[in-house]
Amino acid sequence: MAWFIAIQHIGFGILEMFLFKGPIGQKIFRIDPAFAERAAPLMANQGLYNMFLAAGLILAELQGDLMWKRFFFACVIVAGIYGAATVSSRILWLQAAPAAIALALTFRKALS
């Protein structure tokens, strides 16, 4: 699950950092070109944060460090909840839900 969520956040980062102003970004985010142009610097910054989340998950997975995996899953959940509350409820299902499942699985694994 850590790899899936990391790849997901790399995709979010690429979308937000490099594709936001183009037709793909405008279609996915349901925005017009003028807004895309104005918001692009903010989205690039958000994309960078998504890349940091991905990097943290990848490093935790490579190190086999359960504590850090849990930490980064929790960060993704908080970011997803905040995004759902402030931008779109789709973010809850696309970002927070997979991380919540992954986090729950780390505790299930620890109990068995």
C-alpha atoms as a PDB file:
ATOM      1  CA  MET A   1       0.000   0.000   0.000  1.00  0.00           C
ATOM      2  CA  ALA A   2       2.869   2.421   0.698  1.00  0.00           C
ATOM      3  CA  TRP A   3       4.063   2.063  -2.893  1.00  0.00           C
ATOM      4  CA  PHE A   4       0.556   2.628  -4.262  1.00  0.00           C
ATOM      5  CA  ILE A   5       0.063   5.783  -2.202  1.00  0.00           C
ATOM      6  CA  ALA A   6       3.569   7.040  -3.031  1.00  0.00           C
ATOM      7  CA  ILE A   7       2.945   6.555  -6.756  1.00  0.00           C
ATOM      8  CA  GLN A   8      -0.418   8.257  -6.363  1.00  0.00           C
ATOM      9  CA  HIS A   9       1.277  11.297  -4.779  1.00  0.00           C
ATOM     10  CA  ILE A  10       3.958  11.403  -7.451  1.00  0.00           C
ATOM     11  CA  GLY A  11       1.097  11.574  -9.936  1.00  0.00           C
ATOM     12  CA  PHE A  12      -0.602  14.335  -7.950  1.00  0.00           C
ATOM     13  CA  GLY A  13       2.712  16.204  -7.832  1.00  0.00           C
ATOM     14  CA  ILE A  14       3.289  15.934 -11.583  1.00  0.00           C
ATOM     15  CA  LEU A  15      -0.277  17.022 -12.266  1.00  0.00           C
ATOM     16  CA  GLU A  16      -0.069  20.012  -9.931  1.00  0.00           C
ATOM     17  CA  MET A  17       3.480  21.084 -10.767  1.00  0.00           C
ATOM     18  CA  PHE A  18       3.630  20.555 -14.519  1.00  0.00           C
ATOM     19  CA  LEU A  19       0.204  19.830 -16.026  1.00  0.00           C
ATOM     20  CA  PHE A  20      -2.070  22.167 -14.089  1.00  0.00           C
ATOM     21  CA  LYS A  21      -2.171  25.001 -16.666  1.00  0.00           C
ATOM     22  CA  GLY A  22      -2.649  22.688 -19.627  1.00  0.00           C
ATOM     23  CA  PRO A  23      -5.745  20.937 -20.935  1.00  0.00           C
ATOM     24  CA  ILE A  24      -5.281  17.886 -18.694  1.00  0.00           C
ATOM     25  CA  GLY A  25      -5.074  19.973 -15.524  1.00  0.00           C
ATOM     26  CA  GLN A  26      -7.978  22.180 -16.572  1.00  0.00           C
ATOM     27  CA  LYS A  27     -10.149  19.155 -17.253  1.00  0.00           C
ATOM     28  CA  ILE A  28      -9.258  17.295 -14.046  1.00  0.00           C
ATOM     29  CA  PHE A  29      -9.616  20.368 -11.829  1.00  0.00           C
ATOM     30  CA  ARG A  30     -12.612  21.706 -13.806  1.00  0.00           C
ATOM     31  CA  ILE A  31     -11.121  25.171 -14.239  1.00  0.00           C
ATOM     32  CA  ASP A  32     -10.797  27.732 -17.011  1.00  0.00           C
ATOM     33  CA  PRO A  33      -7.479  28.847 -18.549  1.00  0.00           C
ATOM     34  CA  ALA A  34      -7.472  32.238 -16.788  1.00  0.00           C
ATOM     35  CA  PHE A  35      -7.863  30.674 -13.365  1.00  0.00           C
ATOM     36  CA  ALA A  36      -5.268  28.018 -14.217  1.00  0.00           C
ATOM     37  CA  GLU A  37      -2.748  30.717 -15.058  1.00  0.00           C
ATOM     38  CA  ARG A  38      -3.368  32.632 -11.819  1.00  0.00           C
ATOM     39  CA  ALA A  39      -3.379  29.561  -9.559  1.00  0.00           C
ATOM     40  CA  ALA A  40      -0.428  27.737 -11.145  1.00  0.00           C
ATOM     41  CA  PRO A  41       2.222  28.923  -8.633  1.00  0.00           C
ATOM     42  CA  LEU A  42       0.046  27.823  -5.704  1.00  0.00           C
ATOM     43  CA  MET A  43      -0.609  24.448  -7.288  1.00  0.00           C
ATOM     44  CA  ALA A  44       3.087  23.944  -8.035  1.00  0.00           C
ATOM     45  CA  ASN A  45       3.786  24.487  -4.341  1.00  0.00           C
ATOM     46  CA  GLN A  46       1.078  21.992  -3.415  1.00  0.00           C
ATOM     47  CA  GLY A  47       2.550  19.545  -5.924  1.00  0.00           C
ATOM     48  CA  LEU A  48       5.922  19.815  -4.240  1.00  0.00           C
ATOM     49  CA  TYR A  49       4.337  18.890  -0.900  1.00  0.00           C
ATOM     50  CA  ASN A  50       2.780  15.840  -2.523  1.00  0.00           C
ATOM     51  CA  MET A  51       6.224  14.857  -3.799  1.00  0.00           C
ATOM     52  CA  PHE A  52       7.577  15.148  -0.248  1.00  0.00           C
ATOM     53  CA  LEU A  53       4.817  12.853   1.009  1.00  0.00           C
ATOM     54  CA  ALA A  54       5.737  10.356  -1.713  1.00  0.00           C
ATOM     55  CA  ALA A  55       9.435  10.601  -0.839  1.00  0.00           C
ATOM     56  CA  GLY A  56       8.720   9.985   2.832  1.00  0.00           C
ATOM     57  CA  LEU A  57       6.614   6.927   2.077  1.00  0.00           C
ATOM     58  CA  ILE A  58       9.229   5.544  -0.300  1.00  0.00           C
ATOM     59  CA  LEU A  59      12.034   6.011   2.214  1.00  0.00           C
ATOM     60  CA  ALA A  60       9.970   4.468   5.012  1.00  0.00           C
ATOM     61  CA  GLU A  61       9.132   1.497   2.790  1.00  0.00           C
ATOM     62  CA  LEU A  62      12.740   0.999   1.694  1.00  0.00           C
ATOM     63  CA  GLN A  63      13.899   1.156   5.312  1.00  0.00           C
ATOM     64  CA  GLY A  64      11.070  -1.086   6.487  1.00  0.00           C
ATOM     65  CA  ASP A  65      10.281   1.475   9.160  1.00  0.00           C
ATOM     66  CA  LEU A  66       6.726   0.953  10.339  1.00  0.00           C
ATOM     67  CA  MET A  67       6.680   4.054  12.557  1.00  0.00           C
ATOM     68  CA  TRP A  68       7.578   6.375   9.673  1.00  0.00           C
ATOM     69  CA  LYS A  69       5.124   4.651   7.331  1.00  0.00           C
ATOM     70  CA  ARG A  70       2.392   5.286   9.883  1.00  0.00           C
ATOM     71  CA  PHE A  71       3.511   8.895  10.251  1.00  0.00           C
ATOM     72  CA  PHE A  72       3.355   9.554   6.507  1.00  0.00           C
ATOM     73  CA  PHE A  73       0.047   7.713   6.124  1.00  0.00           C
ATOM     74  CA  ALA A  74      -1.309   9.971   8.877  1.00  0.00           C
ATOM     75  CA  CYS A  75       0.060  13.048   7.067  1.00  0.00           C
ATOM     76  CA  VAL A  76      -1.705  11.957   3.872  1.00  0.00           C
ATOM     77  CA  ILE A  77      -4.947  11.402   5.798  1.00  0.00           C
ATOM     78  CA  VAL A  78      -4.802  14.855   7.389  1.00  0.00           C
ATOM     79  CA  ALA A  79      -4.005  16.475   4.031  1.00  0.00           C
ATOM     80  CA  GLY A  80      -6.887  14.580   2.426  1.00  0.00           C
ATOM     81  CA  ILE A  81      -9.363  15.569   5.112  1.00  0.00           C
ATOM     82  CA  TYR A  82      -8.290  19.198   4.910  1.00  0.00           C
ATOM     83  CA  GLY A  83      -8.499  19.141   1.114  1.00  0.00           C
ATOM     84  CA  ALA A  84     -11.952  17.590   1.280  1.00  0.00           C
ATOM     85  CA  ALA A  85     -13.118  20.250   3.729  1.00  0.00           C
ATOM     86  CA  THR A  86     -11.683  23.181   1.777  1.00  0.00           C
ATOM     87  CA  VAL A  87     -11.627  22.151  -1.894  1.00  0.00           C
ATOM     88  CA  SER A  88     -13.577  19.042  -2.904  1.00  0.00           C
ATOM     89  CA  SER A  89     -15.051  16.002  -1.195  1.00  0.00           C
ATOM     90  CA  ARG A  90     -13.470  13.891  -3.954  1.00  0.00           C
ATOM     91  CA  ILE A  91     -10.126  14.383  -2.205  1.00  0.00           C
ATOM     92  CA  LEU A  92     -11.400  12.459   0.812  1.00  0.00           C
ATOM     93  CA  TRP A  93     -11.964   9.349  -1.299  1.00  0.00           C
ATOM     94  CA  LEU A  94      -9.004   9.758  -3.625  1.00  0.00           C
ATOM     95  CA  GLN A  95      -6.341  10.650  -1.064  1.00  0.00           C
ATOM     96  CA  ALA A  96      -7.431  10.127   2.545  1.00  0.00           C
ATOM     97  CA  ALA A  97      -9.348   6.853   2.203  1.00  0.00           C
ATOM     98  CA  PRO A  98      -6.499   4.784   0.687  1.00  0.00           C
ATOM     99  CA  ALA A  99      -4.094   6.129   3.313  1.00  0.00           C
ATOM    100  CA  ALA A 100      -6.563   5.318   6.097  1.00  0.00           C
ATOM    101  CA  ILE A 101      -6.875   1.766   4.810  1.00  0.00           C
ATOM    102  CA  ALA A 102      -3.089   1.476   4.589  1.00  0.00           C
ATOM    103  CA  LEU A 103      -2.674   2.833   8.111  1.00  0.00           C
ATOM    104  CA  ALA A 104      -5.276   0.412   9.470  1.00  0.00           C
ATOM    105  CA  LEU A 105      -3.482  -2.470   7.747  1.00  0.00           C
ATOM    106  CA  THR A 106      -0.227  -1.581   9.509  1.00  0.00           C
ATOM    107  CA  PHE A 107      -1.966  -2.077  12.865  1.00  0.00           C
ATOM    108  CA  ARG A 108      -3.653  -5.277  11.734  1.00  0.00           C
ATOM    109  CA  LYS A 109      -0.285  -6.629  10.657  1.00  0.00           C
ATOM    110  CA  ALA A 110       1.259  -5.645  14.013  1.00  0.00           C
ATOM    111  CA  LEU A 111      -1.460  -7.521  15.911  1.00  0.00           C
ATOM    112  CA  SER A 112      -1.061 -10.775  14.008  1.00  0.00           C
END
